[in-house]
Protein backbone atom coordinates (compact mmCIF):
# COMPACT_ATOMS: atom_id res chain seq x y z
CA MET A 1 7.10 -20.36 17.66
CA SER A 2 10.59 -19.09 17.04
CA ASN A 3 12.75 -20.53 14.28
CA THR A 4 14.49 -23.62 15.65
CA ASN A 5 17.03 -24.18 12.85
CA ASN A 6 19.95 -22.67 14.79
CA ARG A 7 19.31 -24.93 17.78
CA THR A 8 18.48 -28.20 16.02
CA LEU A 9 20.86 -31.07 15.25
CA THR A 10 19.69 -33.45 12.51
CA LEU A 11 20.68 -36.93 11.39
CA LYS A 12 19.18 -38.59 8.31
CA ARG A 13 19.29 -42.26 7.40
CA THR A 14 17.66 -44.59 4.93
CA PHE A 15 16.93 -47.95 6.54
CA ASN A 16 16.78 -51.04 4.37
CA ALA A 17 13.45 -52.10 5.90
CA PRO A 18 9.77 -51.30 5.38
CA ILE A 19 8.31 -48.37 7.33
CA GLN A 20 6.09 -50.61 9.51
CA LEU A 21 9.16 -52.45 10.81
CA VAL A 22 11.10 -49.26 11.55
CA TRP A 23 8.03 -47.81 13.30
CA GLU A 24 7.68 -50.93 15.47
CA ALA A 25 11.39 -50.74 16.33
CA TRP A 26 10.71 -47.25 17.76
CA SER A 27 7.36 -47.94 19.40
CA GLN A 28 7.57 -51.43 20.95
CA PRO A 29 9.67 -51.98 24.08
CA GLU A 30 10.80 -55.48 23.09
CA HIS A 31 12.39 -53.95 19.99
CA ILE A 32 13.73 -50.78 21.65
CA VAL A 33 15.96 -52.81 23.99
CA GLU A 34 17.66 -54.35 20.93
CA TRP A 35 19.06 -51.08 19.55
CA TRP A 36 18.60 -48.10 21.88
CA GLY A 37 21.91 -46.75 23.12
CA PRO A 38 25.44 -46.81 21.71
CA LYS A 39 27.18 -50.09 20.88
CA GLY A 40 28.21 -52.03 23.98
CA MET A 41 25.39 -50.72 26.17
CA GLU A 42 22.52 -52.78 27.48
CA THR A 43 19.16 -51.02 27.77
CA LYS A 44 16.42 -51.72 30.29
CA ILE A 45 12.91 -50.30 29.87
CA VAL A 46 11.62 -48.79 33.13
CA THR A 47 8.52 -47.09 31.68
CA HIS A 48 7.08 -47.12 28.18
CA ASP A 49 3.64 -45.54 27.75
CA PHE A 50 3.54 -45.00 23.99
CA SER A 51 0.73 -42.46 23.89
CA ILE A 52 0.42 -38.67 23.72
CA GLY A 53 1.21 -37.44 27.23
CA GLY A 54 2.70 -40.84 28.07
CA SER A 55 6.14 -41.08 29.61
CA TRP A 56 9.14 -43.24 28.81
CA LYS A 57 12.25 -44.02 30.81
CA TYR A 58 15.14 -46.24 29.74
CA VAL A 59 18.25 -47.11 31.72
CA MET A 60 21.41 -47.89 29.78
CA LEU A 61 24.16 -49.78 31.53
CA MET A 62 27.64 -48.63 30.63
CA PRO A 63 30.46 -51.16 30.43
CA ASP A 64 31.88 -49.68 33.68
CA GLY A 65 28.57 -50.41 35.47
CA LYS A 66 27.37 -46.81 35.64
CA GLU A 67 23.79 -46.05 34.65
CA PHE A 68 22.82 -43.57 31.98
CA ILE A 69 19.14 -42.57 32.21
CA ALA A 70 16.98 -41.40 29.32
CA ASP A 71 13.43 -40.20 29.83
CA GLY A 72 10.75 -38.01 28.34
CA ILE A 73 7.08 -37.43 27.59
CA TYR A 74 5.46 -37.97 24.20
CA SER A 75 3.85 -34.80 22.84
CA GLU A 76 2.93 -35.97 19.34
CA ILE A 77 2.51 -39.39 17.74
CA VAL A 78 1.32 -39.78 14.15
CA GLU A 79 1.43 -43.46 13.17
CA LEU A 80 4.08 -44.28 10.56
CA LYS A 81 4.94 -40.55 10.28
CA LYS A 82 6.38 -39.02 13.45
CA ILE A 83 7.14 -39.37 17.13
CA ILE A 84 7.87 -36.19 19.10
CA SER A 85 8.94 -36.25 22.73
CA SER A 86 10.67 -34.22 25.36
CA ALA A 87 13.92 -35.89 26.36
CA ASN A 88 16.60 -35.95 29.00
CA PHE A 89 19.74 -38.06 28.66
CA LYS A 90 21.24 -37.80 32.12
CA PRO A 91 23.93 -36.84 32.91
CA MET A 92 24.83 -35.39 29.48
CA THR A 93 21.80 -33.72 27.90
CA GLU A 94 18.63 -32.31 29.42
CA GLY A 95 15.59 -30.36 28.31
CA VAL A 96 15.62 -31.18 24.60
CA GLU A 97 12.91 -32.28 22.20
CA ILE A 98 13.47 -35.29 19.97
CA GLN A 99 11.67 -35.72 16.67
CA ALA A 100 11.70 -39.05 14.83
CA LEU A 101 10.27 -38.62 11.34
CA PHE A 102 9.49 -41.56 9.07
CA GLU A 103 8.88 -41.56 5.31
CA GLU A 104 8.04 -44.60 3.21
CA ASN A 105 10.39 -45.18 0.28
CA GLY A 106 9.27 -48.45 -1.36
CA ASN A 107 10.69 -51.25 0.81
CA GLN A 108 12.98 -48.78 2.56
CA THR A 109 12.34 -46.09 5.14
CA ASN A 110 13.73 -42.55 4.98
CA PHE A 111 14.33 -41.44 8.55
CA THR A 112 15.06 -37.99 9.95
CA PHE A 113 16.04 -37.46 13.58
CA ASN A 114 15.99 -33.93 14.98
CA VAL A 115 17.06 -32.84 18.44
CA VAL A 116 15.83 -29.35 19.30
CA HIS A 117 17.83 -27.67 22.08
CA PRO A 118 16.63 -24.83 24.33
CA THR A 119 19.38 -22.47 23.11
CA GLU A 120 21.81 -22.16 20.20
CA ALA A 121 24.79 -22.26 22.60
CA TYR A 122 23.59 -25.52 24.17
CA CYS A 123 23.04 -26.96 20.70
CA LYS A 124 26.64 -26.15 19.70
CA GLN A 125 27.97 -27.59 22.96
CA GLN A 126 26.06 -30.85 22.38
CA GLU A 127 27.38 -31.07 18.83
CA LYS A 128 30.96 -30.68 20.11
CA MET A 129 30.33 -33.40 22.74
CA GLY A 130 29.84 -35.94 19.96
CA PHE A 131 26.17 -35.82 19.02
CA MET A 132 26.73 -37.15 15.48
CA ASN A 133 28.98 -40.04 16.54
CA GLY A 134 26.80 -40.97 19.52
CA TRP A 135 23.47 -41.01 17.72
CA GLY A 136 25.17 -42.33 14.58
CA SER A 137 26.24 -45.40 16.58
CA VAL A 138 22.68 -45.83 17.90
CA PHE A 139 21.21 -45.68 14.40
CA ASP A 140 23.86 -48.14 13.13
CA ARG A 141 22.43 -50.56 15.70
CA LEU A 142 18.87 -49.73 14.60
CA SER A 143 19.85 -50.32 10.98
CA ASP A 144 21.38 -53.71 11.84
CA PHE A 145 18.32 -54.65 13.89
CA VAL A 146 15.67 -53.81 11.27
CA SER A 147 17.64 -55.33 8.40
CA LYS A 148 17.73 -58.71 10.24
CA GLN A 149 13.99 -58.85 11.00
């Protein structure tokens, strides 16, 4: 496997919630709809087979009525540790791998989110398109959601 550092974008957060709660927010559809997608978007779950080889597909409705489709296939799931999946976020991003990594920190959860791109150039392009702000907004919603549970 080649070194992926030059084609990976990473966001780290510490959520003020126990690891079990943050894990459930990522793995249970009734929780995913509460935070997945940037602020102002509503998310509908089309498919959610939370198992290795299982697929997921979410449709986010933009304020202008357009649909933004996210889908992928889970390749690795280690309970309370990591979720790895292929991912497409159409029409903006396709053919990436997402890695959600969880680490217990007392009553808080240290969270690392990696997006591995097929090439370094594509990675840089995605970063310029607003990766940090976009996913930052999503994880702000996740933080709000888990802190209220």
